[in-house]
C-alpha cells in the first residue's frame, strides 16, 4: 500500500483497491458498474438511472471540463458514487461554473481516484456487477465485508427519484399533449418532446390510469429509471390498463415495464450495458445505429412469444432485446436512449416517429 492513500474500495468478493478521496466525505455501499463513455460525466452523474450505483469511468481523466448548469439531467443527482483513474479539480472550459468535486460534495456523492479502473472494469466484466463499499483507509477487509453484508439491497429507487407531484411544461408551438410517467426521467427526454411541439405533463410513477385519462393526453411516454423493473408494479398495471387507448412510447426502464405489462419477462445482465458505443440493429429496416445505453436488466427474448409484442431491435454485441412494439395497440419501446445525453445522435429520430405516430392516430380518431 503506497503512502498517502486515504480512501479504499472494498468489493464483496474480497478484493480491495486503494486511492484518494474526492467529493463528499463518508462511507457508501453501492452496486458497482462501469461506463465506457469518453465524454459526458456530468450527464452520467446526474442521470437518475444510476441511483444507488457506484460508476467506474473507463475514460482515464475525469473532471477536466468542470460542471455547467445547462447540462444536468436531473435537478438533484442521486448517483451512489464515482470511481475514476485520475480526477482533475482544475477544469479548463469557458462554460464551467464549478468543479466536479464541489458538486459531489453538495449532493453527498463520494468519489475515489487513483485506483486501477482498467482492472476493476475487467473484474466487473469477468465476475459481474456486485456490491462494493467506499470507505476510509482504516476500515479492515473483514469490517468492510460485514458492512456490505448487513446493508439491505434498496428496492425504492424509482420511488426516490420520481416526481412527487404533477408538473406541466408547455411547448411554444404546441401541437400535442403527452403525459410522461416519471420513473427517473432524464431532462433531455423532456427537452426532446418540447422541441417537437409536445407539451408535457410529468406525473409521478404511481399515478393511476384514471388520473392520467383525466388529463386528456394525446399520448403517453414511460421514462427511463433505476433498478429492477419488477420493483415498479404500479407502472406495469397502468400500462396494462391503458395500452391500446393511446399511443405509448417507452424508453429503457419504460421499455422493460411495457414488456412486463404484456406478459414478457426480464432478467438481470451480468454487468449491464453502459456507454455511448452500443450497436443496435433495427429489424424492421435492417439498419444499424450506434446508441447510448444504461441498464442492468433486459427483456427475455423467448418470453416475448405469444404476448402480442414483436421484437424490433437487437443488440449486435450480445443479441439482447433492444426494442419491441405492438402495432394494434399503438405501443413501441426501446431499451436504449434516443435522447442520448451523453451519446451519439443516431436514434433521435424515434422522437420524430413518436410525434408522427401521434399525428396519424389523431387524424383517424
Protein backbone atom coordinates (compact mmCIF):
# COMPACT_ATOMS: atom_id res chain seq x y z
CA UNK A 1 0.00 0.00 0.00
CA UNK A 2 1.52 3.32 -1.10
CA UNK A 3 1.85 6.14 1.37
CA UNK A 4 -0.70 8.91 1.03
CA UNK A 5 -3.81 6.86 0.15
CA UNK A 6 -6.83 7.96 2.20
CA UNK A 7 -9.73 6.06 0.63
CA UNK A 8 -10.48 2.43 -0.08
CA UNK A 9 -12.84 0.45 -2.27
CA UNK A 10 -13.87 -2.98 -0.97
CA UNK A 11 -15.81 -5.36 -3.23
CA UNK A 12 -17.97 -8.13 -1.82
CA UNK A 13 -15.70 -10.74 -3.41
CA UNK A 14 -12.96 -9.60 -1.01
CA UNK A 15 -10.86 -7.53 -3.42
CA UNK A 16 -9.57 -4.13 -2.28
CA UNK A 17 -8.41 -1.02 -4.14
CA UNK A 18 -6.63 1.94 -2.53
CA UNK A 19 -6.96 5.52 -3.73
CA UNK A 20 -7.65 9.14 -2.91
CA UNK A 21 -10.87 10.75 -1.75
CA UNK A 22 -12.70 13.50 -3.62
CA UNK A 23 -16.26 14.68 -3.48
CA UNK A 24 -18.32 14.02 -0.36
CA UNK A 25 -16.93 12.57 2.87
CA UNK A 26 -18.40 9.34 4.22
CA UNK A 27 -18.88 5.64 3.58
CA UNK A 28 -21.27 4.32 0.94
CA UNK A 29 -22.41 0.83 -0.11
CA UNK A 30 -23.43 0.64 -3.78
CA UNK A 31 -23.70 -1.73 -6.70
CA UNK A 32 -20.53 -1.24 -8.77
CA UNK A 33 -20.87 -0.83 -12.56
CA UNK A 34 -18.76 0.66 -15.35
CA UNK A 35 -19.41 3.17 -18.12
CA UNK A 36 -17.32 3.32 -21.32
CA UNK A 37 -18.36 6.82 -22.45
CA UNK A 38 -15.43 9.08 -23.32
CA UNK A 39 -17.36 12.28 -22.57
CA UNK A 40 -20.39 13.34 -20.57
CA UNK A 41 -19.51 12.64 -16.94
CA UNK A 42 -21.88 15.41 -15.82
CA UNK A 43 -24.82 13.84 -17.64
CA UNK A 44 -23.83 10.48 -16.19
CA UNK A 45 -23.64 11.60 -12.56
CA UNK A 46 -26.96 13.43 -12.92
CA UNK A 47 -28.79 10.51 -14.61
CA UNK A 48 -31.35 9.13 -12.10
CA UNK A 49 -30.84 5.64 -13.55
CA UNK A 50 -27.56 5.47 -11.56
CA UNK A 51 -29.32 5.75 -8.20
CA UNK A 52 -27.57 3.53 -5.61
CA UNK A 53 -24.77 2.66 -8.07
CA UNK A 54 -21.04 3.39 -7.95
CA UNK A 55 -19.90 4.09 -11.51
CA UNK A 56 -16.40 3.25 -12.69
CA UNK A 57 -15.45 5.57 -15.55
CA UNK A 58 -13.21 3.77 -18.05
CA UNK A 59 -12.03 7.07 -19.58
CA UNK A 60 -8.90 7.88 -17.55
CA UNK A 61 -9.25 11.62 -16.79
CA UNK A 62 -12.49 12.93 -15.27
CA UNK A 63 -13.33 16.50 -14.22
CA UNK A 64 -11.31 18.40 -16.82
CA UNK A 65 -14.21 20.47 -18.20
CA UNK A 66 -15.99 21.10 -14.90
CA UNK A 67 -19.73 21.47 -14.41
CA UNK A 68 -22.23 23.50 -16.46
CA UNK A 69 -25.78 24.15 -15.26
CA UNK A 70 -27.26 23.60 -18.74
CA UNK A 71 -26.01 20.01 -18.91
CA UNK A 72 -27.82 18.47 -15.93
CA UNK A 73 -30.15 15.53 -16.49
CA UNK A 74 -31.90 15.95 -13.14
CA UNK A 75 -32.05 18.75 -10.60
CA UNK A 76 -30.78 16.56 -7.74
CA UNK A 77 -28.19 13.89 -8.64
CA UNK A 78 -28.70 10.55 -6.88
CA UNK A 79 -25.78 8.51 -8.18
CA UNK A 80 -24.20 6.43 -5.43
CA UNK A 81 -20.50 7.16 -6.03
CA UNK A 82 -17.90 7.84 -8.72
CA UNK A 83 -14.69 5.84 -9.28
CA UNK A 84 -12.02 7.28 -11.59
CA UNK A 85 -8.39 6.78 -12.52
CA UNK A 86 -7.41 10.45 -12.41
CA UNK A 87 -9.52 13.32 -11.07
CA UNK A 88 -8.91 16.86 -12.35
CA UNK A 89 -10.03 19.53 -9.90
CA UNK A 90 -8.95 22.47 -12.07
CA UNK A 91 -11.35 22.49 -15.05
CA UNK A 92 -10.46 24.32 -18.27
CA UNK A 93 -13.71 25.21 -20.02
CA UNK A 94 -15.34 28.60 -20.60
CA UNK A 95 -18.75 27.09 -19.74
CA UNK A 96 -17.62 25.66 -16.40
CA UNK A 97 -19.27 27.09 -13.28
CA UNK A 98 -17.71 24.84 -10.63
CA UNK A 99 -15.62 21.71 -10.28
CA UNK A 100 -17.00 18.19 -10.26
CA UNK A 101 -15.76 17.67 -6.70
CA UNK A 102 -17.69 20.69 -5.41
CA UNK A 103 -20.89 19.36 -6.98
CA UNK A 104 -20.34 15.92 -5.46
CA UNK A 105 -19.81 17.39 -2.01
CA UNK A 106 -23.06 19.34 -2.29
CA UNK A 107 -25.10 16.25 -3.11
CA UNK A 108 -23.36 13.77 -0.82
CA UNK A 109 -21.65 11.77 -3.59
CA UNK A 110 -18.31 10.23 -2.55
CA UNK A 111 -15.55 9.67 -5.07
CA UNK A 112 -12.30 7.74 -5.19
CA UNK A 113 -9.46 8.36 -7.63
CA UNK A 114 -6.07 6.79 -8.21
CA UNK A 115 -7.40 3.23 -8.45
CA UNK A 116 -6.74 0.91 -11.38
CA UNK A 117 -10.02 1.40 -13.23
CA UNK A 118 -8.95 -0.98 -16.01
CA UNK A 119 -8.50 -3.80 -13.52
CA UNK A 120 -11.79 -3.01 -11.79
CA UNK A 121 -13.63 -2.90 -15.11
CA UNK A 122 -12.18 -6.25 -16.17
CA UNK A 123 -13.22 -7.67 -12.81
CA UNK A 124 -16.80 -6.47 -13.32
CA UNK A 125 -16.79 -7.83 -16.87
CA UNK A 126 -15.47 -11.25 -15.78
CA UNK A 127 -17.26 -11.74 -12.46
CA UNK A 128 -20.24 -9.43 -12.89
CA UNK A 129 -21.69 -6.39 -11.13
CA UNK A 130 -21.67 -6.72 -7.37
CA UNK A 131 -21.83 -4.66 -4.24
CA UNK A 132 -18.97 -2.52 -3.04
CA UNK A 133 -18.08 -0.22 -0.15
CA UNK A 134 -16.27 3.10 -0.47
CA UNK A 135 -14.73 3.71 2.92
CA UNK A 136 -11.79 5.12 4.82
CA UNK A 137 -8.34 3.65 4.65
CA UNK A 138 -8.58 2.31 8.23
CA UNK A 139 -11.57 0.06 7.57
CA UNK A 140 -10.36 -3.54 7.62
CA UNK A 141 -11.40 -6.02 4.96
CA UNK A 142 -13.41 -8.06 7.44
CA UNK A 143 -15.19 -4.95 8.74
CA UNK A 144 -15.94 -3.79 5.19
CA UNK A 145 -17.36 -7.13 4.12
CA UNK A 146 -19.58 -7.18 7.20
CA UNK A 147 -20.86 -3.68 6.38
CA UNK A 148 -21.71 -4.77 2.82
CA UNK A 149 -23.42 -7.93 4.05
CA UNK A 150 -25.53 -6.05 6.61
CA UNK A 151 -26.60 -3.27 4.24
CA UNK A 152 -30.02 -4.06 2.74
CA UNK A 153 -30.41 -4.01 -1.06
CA UNK A 154 -32.66 -0.99 -1.76
CA UNK A 155 -35.88 -1.55 -3.71
CA UNK A 156 -37.23 2.00 -3.67
CA UNK A 157 -35.06 3.58 -6.39
CA UNK A 158 -37.95 4.70 -8.62
CA UNK A 159 -39.98 6.00 -5.68
CA UNK A 160 -36.94 8.00 -4.58
CA UNK A 161 -36.31 9.77 -7.90
CA UNK A 162 -39.80 10.09 -9.40
CA UNK A 163 -41.63 13.41 -9.33
CA UNK A 164 -43.70 13.87 -6.21
CA UNK A 165 -46.36 15.97 -7.94
CA UNK A 166 -47.79 16.61 -11.38
CA UNK A 167 -45.86 19.23 -13.37
CA UNK A 168 -46.73 20.85 -16.69
CA UNK A 169 -44.32 22.05 -19.38
CA UNK A 170 -45.69 23.94 -22.38
CA UNK A 171 -44.15 23.89 -25.84
CA UNK A 172 -44.01 27.24 -27.66
CA UNK A 173 -45.51 25.67 -30.77
CA UNK A 174 -47.83 23.25 -29.01
CA UNK A 175 -49.27 20.57 -31.29
CA UNK A 176 -49.87 17.66 -28.95
CA UNK A 177 -50.12 16.83 -25.26
CA UNK A 178 -48.04 14.00 -23.81
CA UNK A 179 -48.21 12.51 -20.33
CA UNK A 180 -44.74 11.45 -19.24
CA UNK A 181 -44.74 8.84 -16.47
CA UNK A 182 -41.64 9.74 -14.48
CA UNK A 183 -39.72 6.68 -13.31
CA UNK A 184 -36.50 8.71 -13.06
CA UNK A 185 -36.56 10.65 -16.31
CA UNK A 186 -33.61 12.38 -17.89
CA UNK A 187 -34.34 16.01 -18.68
CA UNK A 188 -33.30 15.53 -22.29
CA UNK A 189 -36.41 13.40 -22.82
CA UNK A 190 -38.46 16.42 -21.78
CA UNK A 191 -36.37 18.74 -23.97
CA UNK A 192 -36.72 16.41 -26.96
CA UNK A 193 -40.52 16.39 -26.68
CA UNK A 194 -40.84 20.16 -26.17
CA UNK A 195 -38.63 20.84 -29.21
CA UNK A 196 -41.08 18.84 -31.32
CA UNK A 197 -44.17 20.76 -30.23
CA UNK A 198 -45.31 18.38 -27.50
CA UNK A 199 -46.46 19.99 -24.28
CA UNK A 200 -45.65 17.58 -21.47
CA UNK A 201 -47.39 16.74 -18.22
CA UNK A 202 -44.94 14.89 -15.97
CA UNK A 203 -46.70 12.60 -13.49
CA UNK A 204 -45.35 10.50 -10.59
CA UNK A 205 -44.72 6.81 -11.25
CA UNK A 206 -47.69 5.76 -9.10
CA UNK A 207 -50.28 7.96 -10.85
CA UNK A 208 -53.40 5.90 -11.54
CA UNK A 209 -54.75 5.20 -15.04
CA UNK A 210 -57.85 7.19 -14.16
CA UNK A 211 -55.79 10.24 -13.20
CA UNK A 212 -53.82 10.01 -16.45
CA UNK A 213 -57.00 9.73 -18.53
CA UNK A 214 -58.42 12.80 -16.75
CA UNK A 215 -55.55 14.84 -18.21
CA UNK A 216 -56.79 14.08 -21.77
CA UNK A 217 -53.37 13.42 -23.30
CA UNK A 218 -52.74 12.60 -26.95
CA UNK A 219 -50.09 10.04 -25.99
CA UNK A 220 -48.16 8.51 -23.10
CA UNK A 221 -44.43 8.11 -22.57
CA UNK A 222 -42.79 5.95 -19.89
CA UNK A 223 -39.34 7.22 -18.95
CA UNK A 224 -36.06 5.62 -18.08
CA UNK A 225 -35.23 4.99 -14.43
CA UNK A 226 -33.20 2.97 -11.94
CA UNK A 227 -33.43 -0.53 -10.51
CA UNK A 228 -35.31 -3.74 -11.16
CA UNK A 229 -38.45 -3.23 -13.29
CA UNK A 230 -40.31 -5.77 -11.17
CA UNK A 231 -40.00 -3.35 -8.25
CA UNK A 232 -42.45 -1.00 -10.02
CA UNK A 233 -45.74 -2.92 -10.28
CA UNK A 234 -47.69 0.35 -10.26
CA UNK A 235 -46.45 1.31 -13.72
CA UNK A 236 -46.93 -2.22 -15.04
CA UNK A 237 -50.59 -2.10 -14.01
CA UNK A 238 -51.00 1.37 -15.55
CA UNK A 239 -49.55 0.24 -18.88
CA UNK A 240 -51.74 -2.86 -18.86
CA UNK A 241 -54.81 -0.72 -18.23
CA UNK A 242 -54.10 1.99 -20.82
CA UNK A 243 -52.49 0.04 -23.68
CA UNK A 244 -54.45 0.35 -26.87
CA UNK A 245 -56.26 3.50 -25.80
CA UNK A 246 -53.45 5.96 -26.64
CA UNK A 247 -50.08 5.86 -28.44
CA UNK A 248 -47.40 4.78 -25.98
CA UNK A 249 -43.60 5.04 -26.12
CA UNK A 250 -41.21 3.56 -23.52
CA UNK A 251 -37.50 4.24 -23.04
CA UNK A 252 -35.10 1.92 -21.15
CA UNK A 253 -36.92 1.07 -17.89
CA UNK A 254 -40.09 2.16 -19.67
CA UNK A 255 -39.36 -0.46 -22.34
CA UNK A 256 -38.96 -3.17 -19.71
CA UNK A 257 -42.17 -2.14 -17.93
CA UNK A 258 -44.15 -2.24 -21.19
CA UNK A 259 -42.86 -5.74 -21.94
CA UNK A 260 -43.69 -6.93 -18.42
CA UNK A 261 -47.20 -5.49 -18.80
CA UNK A 262 -47.69 -7.64 -21.89
CA UNK A 263 -46.54 -10.78 -20.08
CA UNK A 264 -42.86 -10.99 -21.09
CA UNK A 265 -40.10 -11.50 -18.51
CA UNK A 266 -36.96 -9.58 -17.61
CA UNK A 267 -33.62 -10.73 -16.19
CA UNK A 268 -30.51 -9.13 -14.80
CA UNK A 269 -27.50 -8.88 -17.09
CA UNK A 270 -24.08 -9.98 -15.86
CA UNK A 271 -22.64 -6.46 -15.97
CA UNK A 272 -25.19 -4.42 -17.91
CA UNK A 273 -24.79 -2.03 -20.84
CA UNK A 274 -23.43 1.45 -20.09
CA UNK A 275 -21.78 3.68 -22.65
CA UNK A 276 -22.23 5.54 -25.90
CA UNK A 277 -21.00 2.96 -28.41
CA UNK A 278 -23.52 0.10 -28.44
CA UNK A 279 -24.53 -1.08 -31.95
CA UNK A 280 -28.20 -1.91 -32.39
CA UNK A 281 -29.88 -3.46 -35.43
CA UNK A 282 -33.35 -2.28 -36.42
CA UNK A 283 -35.03 -5.48 -37.58
CA UNK A 284 -37.70 -3.53 -39.46
CA UNK A 285 -35.27 -1.94 -41.93
CA UNK A 286 -32.01 -3.79 -41.19
CA UNK A 287 -30.22 -0.54 -40.37
CA UNK A 288 -27.62 -0.27 -37.61
CA UNK A 289 -27.43 2.59 -35.12
CA UNK A 290 -24.77 3.39 -32.53
CA UNK A 291 -26.64 4.02 -29.31
CA UNK A 292 -26.31 5.35 -25.77
CA UNK A 293 -27.20 2.77 -23.12
CA UNK A 294 -27.51 2.48 -19.36
CA UNK A 295 -29.29 -0.53 -17.91
CA UNK A 296 -28.78 -3.63 -15.75
CA UNK A 297 -31.84 -5.57 -16.92
CA UNK A 298 -33.05 -6.88 -20.27
CA UNK A 299 -36.18 -8.47 -21.71
CA UNK A 300 -36.06 -12.24 -22.19
CA UNK A 301 -36.44 -12.71 -25.96
CA UNK A 302 -38.13 -16.11 -25.70
CA UNK A 303 -40.71 -14.75 -23.28
CA UNK A 304 -41.96 -12.25 -25.87
CA UNK A 305 -43.57 -15.04 -27.91
CA UNK A 306 -47.34 -15.05 -27.57
CA UNK A 307 -47.56 -11.71 -25.78
CA UNK A 308 -48.77 -9.64 -28.72
CA UNK A 309 -45.42 -7.87 -28.94
CA UNK A 310 -42.84 -8.27 -31.67
CA UNK A 311 -39.13 -7.65 -31.22
CA UNK A 312 -37.99 -4.73 -33.37
CA UNK A 313 -34.36 -4.17 -32.33
CA UNK A 314 -31.48 -6.33 -31.10
CA UNK A 315 -28.05 -5.56 -29.68
CA UNK A 316 -25.41 -6.73 -32.14
CA UNK A 317 -22.88 -7.44 -29.38
CA UNK A 318 -24.94 -9.95 -27.40
CA UNK A 319 -28.30 -10.30 -29.22
CA UNK A 320 -30.28 -8.91 -26.29
CA UNK A 321 -33.67 -7.33 -26.98
CA UNK A 322 -33.38 -3.59 -27.70
CA UNK A 323 -36.88 -2.77 -28.89
CA UNK A 324 -40.44 -4.04 -29.16
CA UNK A 325 -43.82 -2.95 -30.47
CA UNK A 326 -47.50 -3.83 -30.69
CA UNK A 327 -48.92 -2.28 -33.86
CA UNK A 328 -52.51 -2.99 -32.88
CA UNK A 329 -52.16 -1.21 -29.52
CA UNK A 330 -50.09 1.70 -30.91
CA UNK A 331 -47.25 0.85 -28.49
CA UNK A 332 -43.49 0.78 -29.08
CA UNK A 333 -40.38 0.90 -26.90
CA UNK A 334 -36.59 0.80 -26.99
CA UNK A 335 -34.04 -0.34 -24.43
CA UNK A 336 -31.51 2.33 -25.38
CA UNK A 337 -31.64 6.14 -25.10
CA UNK A 338 -32.78 8.15 -28.14
CA UNK A 339 -32.37 11.33 -26.07
CA UNK A 340 -28.69 10.22 -25.77
CA UNK A 341 -27.15 12.63 -23.29
CA UNK A 342 -24.31 11.84 -23.43
CA UNK A 343 -24.02 9.78 -26.57
CA UNK A 344 -24.46 9.61 -30.34
CA UNK A 345 -27.45 11.15 -32.09
CA UNK A 346 -28.26 8.19 -34.37
CA UNK A 347 -31.58 7.35 -32.72
CA UNK A 348 -33.08 10.80 -32.05
CA UNK A 349 -35.40 10.13 -35.00
CA UNK A 350 -37.50 7.97 -32.67
CA UNK A 351 -38.96 11.13 -31.15
CA UNK A 352 -39.93 12.27 -34.66
CA UNK A 353 -41.54 8.89 -35.27
CA UNK A 354 -43.44 9.17 -31.98
CA UNK A 355 -44.80 12.59 -32.97
CA UNK A 356 -45.72 11.29 -36.45
CA UNK A 357 -47.49 8.38 -34.78
CA UNK A 358 -49.50 10.76 -32.58
CA UNK A 359 -50.43 12.88 -35.60
CA UNK A 360 -51.59 9.83 -37.55
CA UNK A 361 -53.69 8.50 -34.69
CA UNK A 362 -55.35 11.87 -34.11
CA UNK A 363 -56.12 12.18 -37.81
CA UNK A 364 -58.15 8.99 -37.78
CA UNK A 365 -59.57 9.31 -34.26
